[in-house]
């Protein structure tokens, strides 16, 4: 049985009733359904808790995909937490404040890839900050100028929507993929596209806000030279 990934359809769903399917040898808890995003694509796995029927809780430090199986998500408890039993009914509850910061910065990073239309060689999402690495042959990037352009896109109040295409459709439009280091997950026969108004369209399995207005003001905090042609641009929610 696979895990129903509820965050794919509604990134604002902060909790859900669920049933424990199994506990793996390392203590990872598999549920039949979850709101927890699993680590992937530069976005860390969600934290939160599992509330048991008696009111006690199991603190979850992160979520990861099952070994060699992206149809299963394992909820990783912090050390010393009690273990539930297979078949037990629980409520999976996100650390919503942390998730929302990640959604805001993730959406802002999509906009950053529009401001700097260069191949993306890497990236990471934090709790209110993040970065993208760009393959840029020459330097001369200006933090103030980038921030102004980025916040101008945020201020357009553009809707953020998702739709699905087939693997074949993506193969026919390779320019949709901006990241050189991370490719969209394949195997299910379909790829999720995230559109930000008429500003940006790219494959992404992560979580995002519904409108760029929710991002708020963004600051460009640093620009680092990481190689002859690699520039790392860091941003943060202001």
C-alpha atoms as a PDB file:
ATOM      1  CA  UNK A   1       0.000   0.000   0.000  1.00  0.00           C
ATOM      2  CA  UNK A   2       1.333   3.451  -0.881  1.00  0.00           C
ATOM      3  CA  UNK A   3       1.083   6.693   1.077  1.00  0.00           C
ATOM      4  CA  UNK A   4      -1.538   9.190  -0.100  1.00  0.00           C
ATOM      5  CA  UNK A   5       0.444  12.436  -0.502  1.00  0.00           C
ATOM      6  CA  UNK A   6      -2.144  15.011   0.512  1.00  0.00           C
ATOM      7  CA  UNK A   7       0.287  17.942   0.244  1.00  0.00           C
ATOM      8  CA  UNK A   8       0.360  17.433  -3.526  1.00  0.00           C
ATOM      9  CA  UNK A   9      -3.270  18.530  -3.789  1.00  0.00           C
ATOM     10  CA  UNK A  10      -3.447  20.972  -0.865  1.00  0.00           C
ATOM     11  CA  UNK A  11      -0.258  22.444   0.600  1.00  0.00           C
ATOM     12  CA  UNK A  12      -2.386  24.295   3.195  1.00  0.00           C
ATOM     13  CA  UNK A  13      -3.749  21.128   4.801  1.00  0.00           C
ATOM     14  CA  UNK A  14      -2.030  21.187   8.194  1.00  0.00           C
ATOM     15  CA  UNK A  15      -3.304  17.917   9.672  1.00  0.00           C
ATOM     16  CA  UNK A  16      -5.061  14.702   8.766  1.00  0.00           C
ATOM     17  CA  UNK A  17      -6.330  11.529  10.421  1.00  0.00           C
ATOM     18  CA  UNK A  18      -4.222   8.558   9.367  1.00  0.00           C
ATOM     19  CA  UNK A  19      -3.528   4.916  10.094  1.00  0.00           C
ATOM     20  CA  UNK A  20      -0.100   3.500  10.906  1.00  0.00           C
ATOM     21  CA  UNK A  21       0.839   0.967   8.231  1.00  0.00           C
ATOM     22  CA  UNK A  22       4.274  -0.101   9.468  1.00  0.00           C
ATOM     23  CA  UNK A  23       7.381   0.815  11.453  1.00  0.00           C
ATOM     24  CA  UNK A  24      10.684   0.177   9.682  1.00  0.00           C
ATOM     25  CA  UNK A  25      13.868  -1.116  11.285  1.00  0.00           C
ATOM     26  CA  UNK A  26      15.092   2.422  11.987  1.00  0.00           C
ATOM     27  CA  UNK A  27      11.866   3.551  13.610  1.00  0.00           C
ATOM     28  CA  UNK A  28      10.430   5.379  10.586  1.00  0.00           C
ATOM     29  CA  UNK A  29       6.641   5.457  10.765  1.00  0.00           C
ATOM     30  CA  UNK A  30       4.687   4.784   7.592  1.00  0.00           C
ATOM     31  CA  UNK A  31       1.127   6.119   7.367  1.00  0.00           C
ATOM     32  CA  UNK A  32      -1.606   5.454   4.839  1.00  0.00           C
ATOM     33  CA  UNK A  33      -1.916   9.218   4.214  1.00  0.00           C
ATOM     34  CA  UNK A  34       0.095  12.269   5.179  1.00  0.00           C
ATOM     35  CA  UNK A  35       0.411  16.035   5.029  1.00  0.00           C
ATOM     36  CA  UNK A  36       4.176  15.798   5.660  1.00  0.00           C
ATOM     37  CA  UNK A  37       6.402  16.719   2.716  1.00  0.00           C
ATOM     38  CA  UNK A  38       9.352  14.340   2.422  1.00  0.00           C
ATOM     39  CA  UNK A  39      12.890  15.639   1.864  1.00  0.00           C
ATOM     40  CA  UNK A  40      13.547  16.211  -1.828  1.00  0.00           C
ATOM     41  CA  UNK A  41      14.392  18.803  -4.467  1.00  0.00           C
ATOM     42  CA  UNK A  42      16.253  21.001  -1.992  1.00  0.00           C
ATOM     43  CA  UNK A  43      13.250  21.223   0.359  1.00  0.00           C
ATOM     44  CA  UNK A  44      13.683  19.554   3.785  1.00  0.00           C
ATOM     45  CA  UNK A  45      11.133  17.151   5.165  1.00  0.00           C
ATOM     46  CA  UNK A  46       8.413  18.535   7.394  1.00  0.00           C
ATOM     47  CA  UNK A  47       8.452  18.385  11.179  1.00  0.00           C
ATOM     48  CA  UNK A  48       5.455  18.084  13.485  1.00  0.00           C
ATOM     49  CA  UNK A  49       3.800  15.403  15.574  1.00  0.00           C
ATOM     50  CA  UNK A  50       1.529  12.396  15.545  1.00  0.00           C
ATOM     51  CA  UNK A  51      -1.331  12.712  18.037  1.00  0.00           C
ATOM     52  CA  UNK A  52      -2.528   9.404  19.451  1.00  0.00           C
ATOM     53  CA  UNK A  53      -6.057   8.503  20.548  1.00  0.00           C
ATOM     54  CA  UNK A  54      -5.182   8.973  24.228  1.00  0.00           C
ATOM     55  CA  UNK A  55      -3.954  12.522  23.575  1.00  0.00           C
ATOM     56  CA  UNK A  56      -0.248  11.726  23.857  1.00  0.00           C
ATOM     57  CA  UNK A  57       2.044  12.741  20.996  1.00  0.00           C
ATOM     58  CA  UNK A  58       5.038  11.474  19.040  1.00  0.00           C
ATOM     59  CA  UNK A  59       7.326  14.290  17.912  1.00  0.00           C
ATOM     60  CA  UNK A  60       8.401  13.966  14.277  1.00  0.00           C
ATOM     61  CA  UNK A  61      11.710  15.571  13.323  1.00  0.00           C
ATOM     62  CA  UNK A  62      11.521  15.025   9.577  1.00  0.00           C
ATOM     63  CA  UNK A  63       9.963  12.983   6.798  1.00  0.00           C
ATOM     64  CA  UNK A  64      11.780  11.016   4.085  1.00  0.00           C
ATOM     65  CA  UNK A  65      10.851   8.800   1.184  1.00  0.00           C
ATOM     66  CA  UNK A  66      11.128   5.073   1.686  1.00  0.00           C
ATOM     67  CA  UNK A  67      14.314   3.396   0.446  1.00  0.00           C
ATOM     68  CA  UNK A  68      14.109   3.221  -3.346  1.00  0.00           C
ATOM     69  CA  UNK A  69      10.353   3.876  -3.188  1.00  0.00           C
ATOM     70  CA  UNK A  70       8.959   7.409  -3.572  1.00  0.00           C
ATOM     71  CA  UNK A  71       5.409   6.132  -3.141  1.00  0.00           C
ATOM     72  CA  UNK A  72       6.009   5.660   0.591  1.00  0.00           C
ATOM     73  CA  UNK A  73       6.861   8.330   3.174  1.00  0.00           C
ATOM     74  CA  UNK A  74       8.508   7.579   6.505  1.00  0.00           C
ATOM     75  CA  UNK A  75       7.910   9.944   9.437  1.00  0.00           C
ATOM     76  CA  UNK A  76      11.129  10.023  11.457  1.00  0.00           C
ATOM     77  CA  UNK A  77      10.563  10.544  15.208  1.00  0.00           C
ATOM     78  CA  UNK A  78      13.057  12.325  17.432  1.00  0.00           C
ATOM     79  CA  UNK A  79      15.182  10.121  19.686  1.00  0.00           C
ATOM     80  CA  UNK A  80      13.377   8.753  22.713  1.00  0.00           C
ATOM     81  CA  UNK A  81       9.879   9.017  21.288  1.00  0.00           C
ATOM     82  CA  UNK A  82       7.387   6.169  21.837  1.00  0.00           C
ATOM     83  CA  UNK A  83       6.550   3.953  18.881  1.00  0.00           C
ATOM     84  CA  UNK A  84       2.977   3.490  17.665  1.00  0.00           C
ATOM     85  CA  UNK A  85       1.554   0.134  16.651  1.00  0.00           C
ATOM     86  CA  UNK A  86       0.665  -0.923  13.099  1.00  0.00           C
ATOM     87  CA  UNK A  87      -3.047  -0.370  12.600  1.00  0.00           C
ATOM     88  CA  UNK A  88      -3.162   2.431  15.179  1.00  0.00           C
ATOM     89  CA  UNK A  89      -5.211   5.511  14.348  1.00  0.00           C
ATOM     90  CA  UNK A  90      -3.340   8.820  14.721  1.00  0.00           C
ATOM     91  CA  UNK A  91      -3.602  12.426  13.600  1.00  0.00           C
ATOM     92  CA  UNK A  92      -0.610  13.756  11.662  1.00  0.00           C
ATOM     93  CA  UNK A  93      -0.051  17.432  12.520  1.00  0.00           C
ATOM     94  CA  UNK A  94       2.447  19.740  10.785  1.00  0.00           C
ATOM     95  CA  UNK A  95       4.673  22.342  12.385  1.00  0.00           C
ATOM     96  CA  UNK A  96       2.689  24.799  10.288  1.00  0.00           C
ATOM     97  CA  UNK A  97       4.741  27.927  11.028  1.00  0.00           C
ATOM     98  CA  UNK A  98       7.879  26.218   9.739  1.00  0.00           C
ATOM     99  CA  UNK A  99       6.096  24.793   6.673  1.00  0.00           C
ATOM    100  CA  UNK A 100       4.643  28.177   5.704  1.00  0.00           C
ATOM    101  CA  UNK A 101       8.063  29.845   5.800  1.00  0.00           C
ATOM    102  CA  UNK A 102       9.374  27.135   3.496  1.00  0.00           C
ATOM    103  CA  UNK A 103       6.438  27.573   1.122  1.00  0.00           C
ATOM    104  CA  UNK A 104       7.029  31.325   0.946  1.00  0.00           C
ATOM    105  CA  UNK A 105      10.778  31.035   0.317  1.00  0.00           C
ATOM    106  CA  UNK A 106      10.336  28.177  -2.177  1.00  0.00           C
ATOM    107  CA  UNK A 107       7.960  30.277  -4.261  1.00  0.00           C
ATOM    108  CA  UNK A 108      10.367  33.231  -4.026  1.00  0.00           C
ATOM    109  CA  UNK A 109      13.182  31.021  -5.357  1.00  0.00           C
ATOM    110  CA  UNK A 110      11.085  30.251  -8.435  1.00  0.00           C
ATOM    111  CA  UNK A 111      10.846  33.997  -9.004  1.00  0.00           C
ATOM    112  CA  UNK A 112      14.588  34.381  -8.452  1.00  0.00           C
ATOM    113  CA  UNK A 113      15.144  31.959 -11.336  1.00  0.00           C
ATOM    114  CA  UNK A 114      13.177  34.417 -13.501  1.00  0.00           C
ATOM    115  CA  UNK A 115      15.172  37.442 -12.348  1.00  0.00           C
ATOM    116  CA  UNK A 116      18.375  35.516 -13.100  1.00  0.00           C
ATOM    117  CA  UNK A 117      17.566  33.450 -16.226  1.00  0.00           C
ATOM    118  CA  UNK A 118      20.636  31.213 -16.054  1.00  0.00           C
ATOM    119  CA  UNK A 119      20.957  27.437 -15.582  1.00  0.00           C
ATOM    120  CA  UNK A 120      20.440  26.468 -11.928  1.00  0.00           C
ATOM    121  CA  UNK A 121      23.153  24.148 -10.593  1.00  0.00           C
ATOM    122  CA  UNK A 122      21.854  23.719  -7.051  1.00  0.00           C
ATOM    123  CA  UNK A 123      19.608  25.087  -4.364  1.00  0.00           C
ATOM    124  CA  UNK A 124      18.323  24.733  -0.829  1.00  0.00           C
ATOM    125  CA  UNK A 125      15.266  25.834   1.126  1.00  0.00           C
ATOM    126  CA  UNK A 126      15.448  26.807   4.788  1.00  0.00           C
ATOM    127  CA  UNK A 127      13.049  28.132   7.379  1.00  0.00           C
ATOM    128  CA  UNK A 128      12.619  31.600   5.927  1.00  0.00           C
ATOM    129  CA  UNK A 129      15.756  31.651   3.813  1.00  0.00           C
ATOM    130  CA  UNK A 130      17.153  29.831   0.817  1.00  0.00           C
ATOM    131  CA  UNK A 131      19.600  29.948  -2.054  1.00  0.00           C
ATOM    132  CA  UNK A 132      20.079  29.078  -5.697  1.00  0.00           C
ATOM    133  CA  UNK A 133      23.367  28.401  -7.468  1.00  0.00           C
ATOM    134  CA  UNK A 134      23.620  29.679 -11.024  1.00  0.00           C
ATOM    135  CA  UNK A 135      25.926  28.838 -13.896  1.00  0.00           C
ATOM    136  CA  UNK A 136      26.907  32.414 -14.780  1.00  0.00           C
ATOM    137  CA  UNK A 137      30.009  32.999 -16.915  1.00  0.00           C
ATOM    138  CA  UNK A 138      30.622  36.494 -15.579  1.00  0.00           C
ATOM    139  CA  UNK A 139      30.091  38.165 -12.224  1.00  0.00           C
ATOM    140  CA  UNK A 140      28.908  41.690 -11.576  1.00  0.00           C
ATOM    141  CA  UNK A 141      25.671  40.707  -9.825  1.00  0.00           C
ATOM    142  CA  UNK A 142      24.176  43.470  -7.708  1.00  0.00           C
ATOM    143  CA  UNK A 143      22.206  42.554  -4.570  1.00  0.00           C
ATOM    144  CA  UNK A 144      20.095  45.704  -4.579  1.00  0.00           C
ATOM    145  CA  UNK A 145      19.145  45.364  -8.241  1.00  0.00           C
ATOM    146  CA  UNK A 146      18.248  41.691  -7.874  1.00  0.00           C
ATOM    147  CA  UNK A 147      16.143  42.418  -4.778  1.00  0.00           C
ATOM    148  CA  UNK A 148      14.262  45.201  -6.542  1.00  0.00           C
ATOM    149  CA  UNK A 149      13.416  42.981  -9.510  1.00  0.00           C
ATOM    150  CA  UNK A 150      12.472  40.081  -7.237  1.00  0.00           C
ATOM    151  CA  UNK A 151      10.145  42.173  -5.076  1.00  0.00           C
ATOM    152  CA  UNK A 152       8.574  43.689  -8.179  1.00  0.00           C
ATOM    153  CA  UNK A 153       7.546  40.170  -9.230  1.00  0.00           C
ATOM    154  CA  UNK A 154       6.262  39.400  -5.727  1.00  0.00           C
ATOM    155  CA  UNK A 155       4.149  42.563  -5.849  1.00  0.00           C
ATOM    156  CA  UNK A 156       2.341  41.402  -8.987  1.00  0.00           C
ATOM    157  CA  UNK A 157       0.058  39.272  -6.772  1.00  0.00           C
ATOM    158  CA  UNK A 158       0.266  36.415  -9.242  1.00  0.00           C
ATOM    159  CA  UNK A 159      -1.648  33.194  -8.626  1.00  0.00           C
ATOM    160  CA  UNK A 160       0.406  30.037  -8.111  1.00  0.00           C
ATOM    161  CA  UNK A 161      -1.208  26.970  -9.660  1.00  0.00           C
ATOM    162  CA  UNK A 162      -0.295  23.369 -10.493  1.00  0.00           C
ATOM    163  CA  UNK A 163      -1.090  21.026 -13.336  1.00  0.00           C
ATOM    164  CA  UNK A 164       0.202  17.686 -14.557  1.00  0.00           C
ATOM    165  CA  UNK A 165       1.807  16.688 -17.843  1.00  0.00           C
ATOM    166  CA  UNK A 166       3.105  13.368 -19.104  1.00  0.00           C
ATOM    167  CA  UNK A 167       6.754  12.351 -19.240  1.00  0.00           C
ATOM    168  CA  UNK A 168       6.496  12.540 -23.026  1.00  0.00           C
ATOM    169  CA  UNK A 169       5.232  16.131 -22.876  1.00  0.00           C
ATOM    170  CA  UNK A 170       8.192  17.105 -20.711  1.00  0.00           C
ATOM    171  CA  UNK A 171      10.591  15.377 -23.099  1.00  0.00           C
ATOM    172  CA  UNK A 172       9.085  17.482 -25.883  1.00  0.00           C
ATOM    173  CA  UNK A 173       9.666  20.684 -23.842  1.00  0.00           C
ATOM    174  CA  UNK A 174      13.077  20.241 -22.167  1.00  0.00           C
ATOM    175  CA  UNK A 175      13.381  23.997 -21.641  1.00  0.00           C
ATOM    176  CA  UNK A 176      10.870  23.740 -18.784  1.00  0.00           C
ATOM    177  CA  UNK A 177      13.589  22.193 -16.598  1.00  0.00           C
ATOM    178  CA  UNK A 178      15.803  24.919 -15.136  1.00  0.00           C
ATOM    179  CA  UNK A 179      17.765  22.827 -12.653  1.00  0.00           C
ATOM    180  CA  UNK A 180      20.867  21.042 -13.890  1.00  0.00           C
ATOM    181  CA  UNK A 181      21.439  19.143 -10.629  1.00  0.00           C
ATOM    182  CA  UNK A 182      17.886  18.009  -9.806  1.00  0.00           C
ATOM    183  CA  UNK A 183      15.642  16.423 -12.394  1.00  0.00           C
ATOM    184  CA  UNK A 184      11.876  15.984 -11.966  1.00  0.00           C
ATOM    185  CA  UNK A 185      10.998  12.574 -10.487  1.00  0.00           C
ATOM    186  CA  UNK A 186       9.896  10.098 -13.111  1.00  0.00           C
ATOM    187  CA  UNK A 187       8.309   6.692 -13.012  1.00  0.00           C
ATOM    188  CA  UNK A 188       4.675   7.557 -12.330  1.00  0.00           C
ATOM    189  CA  UNK A 189       4.072   8.621 -15.930  1.00  0.00           C
ATOM    190  CA  UNK A 190       3.249  12.227 -15.071  1.00  0.00           C
ATOM    191  CA  UNK A 191       5.121  15.357 -14.013  1.00  0.00           C
ATOM    192  CA  UNK A 192       3.781  18.192 -11.846  1.00  0.00           C
ATOM    193  CA  UNK A 193       4.176  21.714 -13.255  1.00  0.00           C
ATOM    194  CA  UNK A 194       4.009  24.815 -11.068  1.00  0.00           C
ATOM    195  CA  UNK A 195       2.903  28.046 -12.763  1.00  0.00           C
ATOM    196  CA  UNK A 196       3.254  31.526 -11.280  1.00  0.00           C
ATOM    197  CA  UNK A 197       0.813  33.605 -13.319  1.00  0.00           C
ATOM    198  CA  UNK A 198       2.427  34.254 -16.696  1.00  0.00           C
ATOM    199  CA  UNK A 199       5.789  34.772 -14.969  1.00  0.00           C
ATOM    200  CA  UNK A 200       7.168  31.267 -14.573  1.00  0.00           C
ATOM    201  CA  UNK A 201       6.418  27.641 -15.397  1.00  0.00           C
ATOM    202  CA  UNK A 202       8.610  24.731 -14.316  1.00  0.00           C
ATOM    203  CA  UNK A 203       8.387  21.159 -12.981  1.00  0.00           C
ATOM    204  CA  UNK A 204       8.389  21.003  -9.182  1.00  0.00           C
ATOM    205  CA  UNK A 205       7.117  18.590  -6.548  1.00  0.00           C
ATOM    206  CA  UNK A 206       7.480  20.997  -3.620  1.00  0.00           C
ATOM    207  CA  UNK A 207       5.013  23.110  -1.661  1.00  0.00           C
ATOM    208  CA  UNK A 208       4.184  26.722  -2.538  1.00  0.00           C
ATOM    209  CA  UNK A 209       1.917  29.564  -1.489  1.00  0.00           C
ATOM    210  CA  UNK A 210      -1.219  30.258  -3.504  1.00  0.00           C
ATOM    211  CA  UNK A 211      -0.312  33.812  -4.460  1.00  0.00           C
ATOM    212  CA  UNK A 212       2.965  35.718  -4.626  1.00  0.00           C
ATOM    213  CA  UNK A 213       1.457  38.337  -2.284  1.00  0.00           C
ATOM    214  CA  UNK A 214       1.865  35.794   0.535  1.00  0.00           C
ATOM    215  CA  UNK A 215       5.650  35.794   0.101  1.00  0.00           C
ATOM    216  CA  UNK A 216       6.082  39.288   1.503  1.00  0.00           C
ATOM    217  CA  UNK A 217       9.207  41.403   1.177  1.00  0.00           C
ATOM    218  CA  UNK A 218      12.360  39.470   0.238  1.00  0.00           C
ATOM    219  CA  UNK A 219      15.978  40.492   0.818  1.00  0.00           C
ATOM    220  CA  UNK A 220      19.036  39.318  -1.129  1.00  0.00           C
ATOM    221  CA  UNK A 221      21.421  38.603   1.734  1.00  0.00           C
ATOM    222  CA  UNK A 222      24.564  37.427  -0.058  1.00  0.00           C
ATOM    223  CA  UNK A 223      26.132  36.594  -3.413  1.00  0.00           C
ATOM    224  CA  UNK A 224      29.023  34.138  -3.278  1.00  0.00           C
ATOM    225  CA  UNK A 225      31.488  33.009  -5.906  1.00  0.00           C
ATOM    226  CA  UNK A 226      31.575  29.216  -5.672  1.00  0.00           C
ATOM    227  CA  UNK A 227      33.652  28.534  -8.777  1.00  0.00           C
ATOM    228  CA  UNK A 228      34.748  29.991 -12.084  1.00  0.00           C
ATOM    229  CA  UNK A 229      31.163  30.200 -13.355  1.00  0.00           C
ATOM    230  CA  UNK A 230      29.123  29.389 -10.260  1.00  0.00           C
ATOM    231  CA  UNK A 231      27.392  32.126  -8.273  1.00  0.00           C
ATOM    232  CA  UNK A 232      25.359  31.390  -5.143  1.00  0.00           C
ATOM    233  CA  UNK A 233      22.570  33.868  -4.446  1.00  0.00           C
ATOM    234  CA  UNK A 234      21.019  33.795  -0.978  1.00  0.00           C
ATOM    235  CA  UNK A 235      17.648  35.312  -0.135  1.00  0.00           C
ATOM    236  CA  UNK A 236      15.579  35.640   3.031  1.00  0.00           C
ATOM    237  CA  UNK A 237      12.121  36.727   4.059  1.00  0.00           C
ATOM    238  CA  UNK A 238      12.484  40.289   5.312  1.00  0.00           C
END
